[in-house]
Amino acid sequence: MAEIDYYMVLGVHQDADSKQLKNAFRELAFQYHPDRNKDNPEATEKMKQINEAYAVLSDPKKRQAYDSLKSRFGDSAYGKFRNGYSDQDIFSGSDINNIFDEMAKAFGFRGVDEVFNDVYGKGYKTFEFRKPGIFAAGFVFSNLFGNQQAGSKKSTFQNITNKVVRLAIEKLGGMELPVHGNDITENIHLTPSQAAQGGPYAYFLKKQSKKLVIKIPKGIKEGQRIRLAGMGKTGSAGGPPGDLYLTVVFWKSWPKKIQEFTNRLIRN
């Protein structure tokens, strides 16, 4: 894995504040935007780097974890940081979507969904990153990563290898590396009409004792899943939280008491 310095990628000092980070990212995102670099394949890789650098450094917890590794391991901090963070972890909670939408309105560029699909491939699905409060917006996917069973042995081997590497780094470096929180998988019960119409739906996440209002995508099918980024179990040592996956199950009948309870949750 090639070593990268997030601060150098954005061209900012390590003490840069949030405003300086955002201004630097805006300038670079405009410079390397795919709509301005259709004949420049190198711009795609540069866009990936600046997106990742900004998503990490603009998030206080991710930045703290990266800075901690950087202070201990210097130029090799990037590789160790990426051992604990996937692309989905890095972009969860970022305001990159807002910045791309600003450019789209000002200059007529494509929005974040189209840009990310262009830069990261058709299998990459973006979502409405995060909103404050209890409202959570998600996206639907079905068999996004293809046949996972065929690669199960490879995945198991990779997981074991990652754990061995992590333990070695922690023992030699005398520090605890960030650990990604576990995902949570539950069912969400809807009537066929609710699924067809979409809209807000009150849901109580028992494992986290949280009341959520889920945005149900219009026309969702039974068996499909809704992913809510960052709503899983808490990570450790500055690692990101896991995700919440809700599998849609249709009610055969919709009890009146459950309907009344749902309405009360939404109002409150």
Protein backbone atom coordinates (compact mmCIF):
# COMPACT_ATOMS: atom_id res chain seq x y z
CA MET A 1 0.00 0.00 0.00
CA ALA A 2 1.49 3.33 -1.10
CA GLU A 3 2.02 5.71 1.79
CA ILE A 4 0.01 8.94 1.74
CA ASP A 5 0.04 11.95 4.05
CA TYR A 6 -3.47 13.38 4.31
CA TYR A 7 -2.19 16.84 5.20
CA MET A 8 0.12 16.93 2.19
CA VAL A 9 -2.68 15.75 -0.07
CA LEU A 10 -4.78 18.77 0.90
CA GLY A 11 -1.75 21.06 1.08
CA VAL A 12 -2.48 22.21 4.64
CA HIS A 13 -0.50 22.38 7.87
CA GLN A 14 -1.17 19.81 10.57
CA ASP A 15 -2.67 22.55 12.74
CA ALA A 16 -5.21 23.58 10.07
CA ASP A 17 -8.68 24.29 11.43
CA SER A 18 -11.97 23.09 9.94
CA LYS A 19 -12.41 26.21 7.78
CA GLN A 20 -8.94 25.89 6.28
CA LEU A 21 -9.53 22.21 5.57
CA LYS A 22 -12.82 22.92 3.84
CA ASN A 23 -11.38 25.75 1.74
CA ALA A 24 -8.45 23.59 0.66
CA PHE A 25 -10.77 20.74 -0.26
CA ARG A 26 -13.11 23.02 -2.25
CA GLU A 27 -10.22 24.33 -4.35
CA LEU A 28 -8.82 20.87 -5.07
CA ALA A 29 -12.26 19.31 -5.70
CA PHE A 30 -12.96 22.05 -8.23
CA GLN A 31 -9.55 21.56 -9.86
CA TYR A 32 -9.83 17.78 -10.18
CA HIS A 33 -13.60 17.43 -10.64
CA PRO A 34 -14.30 14.72 -13.28
CA ASP A 35 -16.44 17.14 -15.29
CA ARG A 36 -13.34 19.34 -15.79
CA ASN A 37 -10.94 16.44 -16.42
CA LYS A 38 -12.65 14.12 -18.88
CA ASP A 39 -9.39 13.53 -20.78
CA ASN A 40 -7.16 13.32 -17.70
CA PRO A 41 -7.22 9.81 -16.15
CA GLU A 42 -4.77 10.89 -13.44
CA ALA A 43 -7.39 13.28 -12.07
CA THR A 44 -9.55 10.34 -10.96
CA GLU A 45 -6.87 9.01 -8.62
CA LYS A 46 -6.17 12.52 -7.35
CA MET A 47 -9.89 13.00 -6.67
CA LYS A 48 -9.95 9.80 -4.61
CA GLN A 49 -7.03 11.02 -2.51
CA ILE A 50 -8.45 14.46 -1.74
CA ASN A 51 -11.90 13.02 -0.97
CA GLU A 52 -10.39 10.55 1.49
CA ALA A 53 -8.03 13.09 3.06
CA TYR A 54 -10.83 15.59 3.67
CA ALA A 55 -13.28 12.97 4.97
CA VAL A 56 -10.71 11.85 7.57
CA LEU A 57 -9.30 15.23 8.63
CA SER A 58 -12.70 16.95 8.82
CA ASP A 59 -13.94 14.34 11.31
CA PRO A 60 -12.48 15.02 14.80
CA LYS A 61 -12.42 11.36 15.88
CA LYS A 62 -10.91 10.04 12.66
CA ARG A 63 -8.38 12.90 12.61
CA GLN A 64 -7.37 12.18 16.20
CA ALA A 65 -6.86 8.49 15.40
CA TYR A 66 -4.80 9.36 12.30
CA ASP A 67 -2.71 11.98 14.15
CA SER A 68 -2.00 9.49 16.93
CA LEU A 69 -0.67 6.97 14.42
CA LYS A 70 1.24 9.68 12.58
CA SER A 71 3.01 10.79 15.75
CA ARG A 72 4.13 7.23 16.42
CA PHE A 73 4.77 5.83 12.96
CA GLY A 74 5.42 8.89 10.80
CA ASP A 75 5.19 8.19 7.07
CA SER A 76 3.80 4.68 7.61
CA ALA A 77 0.75 5.97 9.54
CA TYR A 78 -1.52 5.85 6.48
CA GLY A 79 -1.25 2.10 5.96
CA LYS A 80 -1.87 1.39 9.63
CA PHE A 81 -4.85 3.76 9.67
CA ARG A 82 -6.45 2.08 6.64
CA ASN A 83 -6.17 -1.32 8.33
CA GLY A 84 -8.94 -0.14 10.66
CA TYR A 85 -11.09 1.89 8.28
CA SER A 86 -12.93 0.88 5.11
CA ASP A 87 -14.08 3.39 2.48
CA GLN A 88 -17.58 3.31 3.97
CA ASP A 89 -16.16 4.04 7.43
CA ILE A 90 -14.16 6.98 6.14
CA PHE A 91 -17.01 8.69 4.30
CA SER A 92 -19.64 8.04 6.97
CA GLY A 93 -20.55 11.34 8.60
CA SER A 94 -18.74 13.49 6.03
CA ASP A 95 -20.18 16.66 4.52
CA ILE A 96 -18.53 15.98 1.15
CA ASN A 97 -21.97 15.59 -0.40
CA ASN A 98 -22.86 19.17 0.55
CA ILE A 99 -19.68 20.55 -0.99
CA PHE A 100 -20.22 18.69 -4.27
CA ASP A 101 -23.82 19.86 -4.35
CA GLU A 102 -22.63 23.46 -3.88
CA MET A 103 -20.36 23.10 -6.91
CA ALA A 104 -23.14 21.47 -8.89
CA LYS A 105 -25.42 24.47 -8.27
CA ALA A 106 -22.70 27.07 -8.88
CA PHE A 107 -21.02 25.56 -11.94
CA GLY A 108 -23.49 23.06 -13.36
CA PHE A 109 -21.37 20.04 -12.39
CA ARG A 110 -22.83 16.64 -11.63
CA GLY A 111 -23.79 15.93 -8.02
CA VAL A 112 -22.06 13.68 -5.50
CA ASP A 113 -23.91 10.48 -6.47
CA GLU A 114 -22.86 10.64 -10.10
CA VAL A 115 -19.32 11.75 -9.26
CA PHE A 116 -18.77 8.95 -6.75
CA ASN A 117 -20.18 6.35 -9.15
CA ASP A 118 -17.83 7.72 -11.80
CA VAL A 119 -14.76 7.81 -9.55
CA TYR A 120 -15.32 4.66 -7.46
CA GLY A 121 -17.26 2.47 -9.88
CA LYS A 122 -20.85 1.40 -10.44
CA GLY A 123 -20.93 -0.76 -7.32
CA TYR A 124 -20.33 2.23 -5.06
CA LYS A 125 -23.54 3.50 -3.50
CA THR A 126 -23.69 6.82 -1.71
CA PHE A 127 -26.28 7.93 0.78
CA GLU A 128 -27.42 11.00 2.64
CA PHE A 129 -24.41 10.86 4.91
CA ARG A 130 -25.80 11.89 8.31
CA LYS A 131 -28.37 14.23 9.79
CA PRO A 132 -28.46 15.53 13.37
CA GLY A 133 -30.97 14.19 15.87
CA ILE A 134 -32.75 10.88 15.66
CA PHE A 135 -33.69 11.07 11.98
CA ALA A 136 -31.67 8.59 9.94
CA ALA A 137 -31.61 8.34 6.17
CA GLY A 138 -30.31 5.27 4.41
CA PHE A 139 -30.06 3.57 1.07
CA VAL A 140 -31.23 0.24 -0.25
CA PHE A 141 -29.03 -2.37 -1.82
CA SER A 142 -29.60 -5.92 -2.97
CA ASN A 143 -26.67 -8.29 -3.55
CA LEU A 144 -24.41 -5.27 -3.98
CA PHE A 145 -21.21 -7.26 -3.66
CA GLY A 146 -22.25 -10.24 -5.74
CA ASN A 147 -21.74 -13.83 -4.62
CA GLN A 148 -20.04 -13.49 -1.26
CA GLN A 149 -20.05 -17.22 -0.59
CA ALA A 150 -17.50 -17.82 -3.35
CA GLY A 151 -15.02 -15.55 -1.61
CA SER A 152 -15.76 -16.67 1.93
CA LYS A 153 -12.46 -18.55 2.33
CA LYS A 154 -10.50 -15.56 1.09
CA SER A 155 -12.42 -13.23 3.41
CA THR A 156 -11.78 -15.51 6.39
CA PHE A 157 -8.07 -15.65 5.61
CA GLN A 158 -7.94 -11.86 5.22
CA ASN A 159 -9.71 -11.34 8.54
CA ILE A 160 -7.25 -13.62 10.34
CA THR A 161 -4.30 -11.87 8.68
CA ASN A 162 -5.60 -8.44 9.67
CA LYS A 163 -5.99 -9.54 13.30
CA VAL A 164 -2.42 -10.90 13.40
CA VAL A 165 -1.03 -7.68 11.91
CA ARG A 166 -3.06 -5.58 14.35
CA LEU A 167 -1.82 -7.53 17.38
CA ALA A 168 1.78 -7.24 16.18
CA ILE A 169 1.51 -3.47 15.70
CA GLU A 170 -0.14 -2.97 19.09
CA LYS A 171 2.50 -5.08 20.86
CA LEU A 172 5.48 -3.44 19.15
CA GLY A 173 4.10 0.09 19.22
CA GLY A 174 2.66 -0.04 22.71
CA MET A 175 -0.65 1.40 21.57
CA GLU A 176 -4.19 0.33 20.82
CA LEU A 177 -5.24 0.69 17.19
CA PRO A 178 -8.76 1.80 16.24
CA VAL A 179 -11.25 -1.07 16.03
CA HIS A 180 -14.39 -0.86 13.91
CA GLY A 181 -17.63 -1.41 15.84
CA ASN A 182 -19.74 -4.44 14.98
CA ASP A 183 -22.75 -4.16 12.70
CA ILE A 184 -26.28 -4.80 13.94
CA THR A 185 -28.81 -6.71 11.85
CA GLU A 186 -32.54 -6.62 12.62
CA ASN A 187 -35.88 -6.91 10.84
CA ILE A 188 -38.17 -3.98 10.16
CA HIS A 189 -41.86 -4.88 9.72
CA LEU A 190 -43.91 -2.95 7.17
CA THR A 191 -47.20 -3.37 5.39
CA PRO A 192 -47.02 -3.69 1.60
CA SER A 193 -48.70 -0.28 1.29
CA GLN A 194 -46.13 1.36 3.58
CA ALA A 195 -43.32 -0.10 1.50
CA ALA A 196 -44.93 1.10 -1.72
CA GLN A 197 -45.52 4.64 -0.45
CA GLY A 198 -42.28 5.07 1.52
CA GLY A 199 -41.78 7.88 4.00
CA PRO A 200 -41.01 8.18 7.75
CA TYR A 201 -41.36 5.15 9.99
CA ALA A 202 -40.83 4.97 13.76
CA TYR A 203 -38.42 2.23 14.83
CA PHE A 204 -37.04 1.34 18.26
CA LEU A 205 -33.53 -0.10 18.21
CA LYS A 206 -33.54 -2.31 21.30
CA LYS A 207 -29.82 -3.17 21.27
CA GLN A 208 -28.93 0.52 21.47
CA SER A 209 -32.04 1.72 23.34
CA LYS A 210 -32.60 4.36 20.67
CA LYS A 211 -35.76 5.67 19.08
CA LEU A 212 -35.27 6.26 15.36
CA VAL A 213 -37.37 7.64 12.56
CA ILE A 214 -36.37 5.74 9.45
CA LYS A 215 -36.86 7.13 5.97
CA ILE A 216 -38.35 4.21 4.02
CA PRO A 217 -37.42 4.40 0.31
CA LYS A 218 -40.48 4.37 -1.91
CA GLY A 219 -41.16 0.98 -3.50
CA ILE A 220 -38.82 -1.06 -1.30
CA LYS A 221 -39.29 -4.82 -1.64
CA GLU A 222 -39.58 -7.51 1.00
CA GLY A 223 -36.17 -9.01 1.72
CA GLN A 224 -34.26 -5.88 0.76
CA ARG A 225 -32.16 -4.15 3.40
CA ILE A 226 -31.76 -0.58 4.57
CA ARG A 227 -28.31 0.39 5.82
CA LEU A 228 -27.99 3.13 8.43
CA ALA A 229 -24.35 4.16 8.62
CA GLY A 230 -22.87 4.58 12.09
CA MET A 231 -25.91 3.23 13.93
CA GLY A 232 -24.29 -0.07 14.90
CA LYS A 233 -22.16 -0.86 17.94
CA THR A 234 -19.57 1.65 19.11
CA GLY A 235 -15.96 1.15 18.00
CA SER A 236 -13.00 1.20 20.36
CA ALA A 237 -9.82 3.32 20.49
CA GLY A 238 -11.35 5.92 18.21
CA GLY A 239 -12.58 3.38 15.68
CA PRO A 240 -15.82 4.13 13.80
CA PRO A 241 -19.13 2.61 14.87
CA GLY A 242 -20.67 -0.23 12.93
CA ASP A 243 -23.75 0.03 10.74
CA LEU A 244 -27.36 -0.96 11.28
CA TYR A 245 -28.93 -3.23 8.67
CA LEU A 246 -32.72 -3.51 8.64
CA THR A 247 -34.23 -6.33 6.57
CA VAL A 248 -37.72 -5.55 5.32
CA VAL A 249 -40.39 -8.07 6.39
CA PHE A 250 -44.02 -7.56 5.39
CA TRP A 251 -46.78 -7.82 7.95
CA LYS A 252 -49.50 -10.20 6.81
CA SER A 253 -51.94 -7.98 8.72
CA TRP A 254 -51.39 -4.66 10.46
CA PRO A 255 -52.68 -4.71 14.06
CA LYS A 256 -54.43 -1.50 15.05
CA LYS A 257 -52.49 -1.17 18.32
CA ILE A 258 -49.15 -1.33 16.52
CA GLN A 259 -50.32 1.32 14.08
CA GLU A 260 -51.34 3.61 16.95
CA PHE A 261 -47.99 3.02 18.70
CA THR A 262 -46.08 3.88 15.54
CA ASN A 263 -48.04 7.09 15.07
CA ARG A 264 -47.27 8.15 18.65
CA LEU A 265 -43.54 7.54 18.16
CA ILE A 266 -43.48 9.68 15.02
CA ARG A 267 -45.38 12.54 16.75
CA ASN A 268 -43.06 12.43 19.78
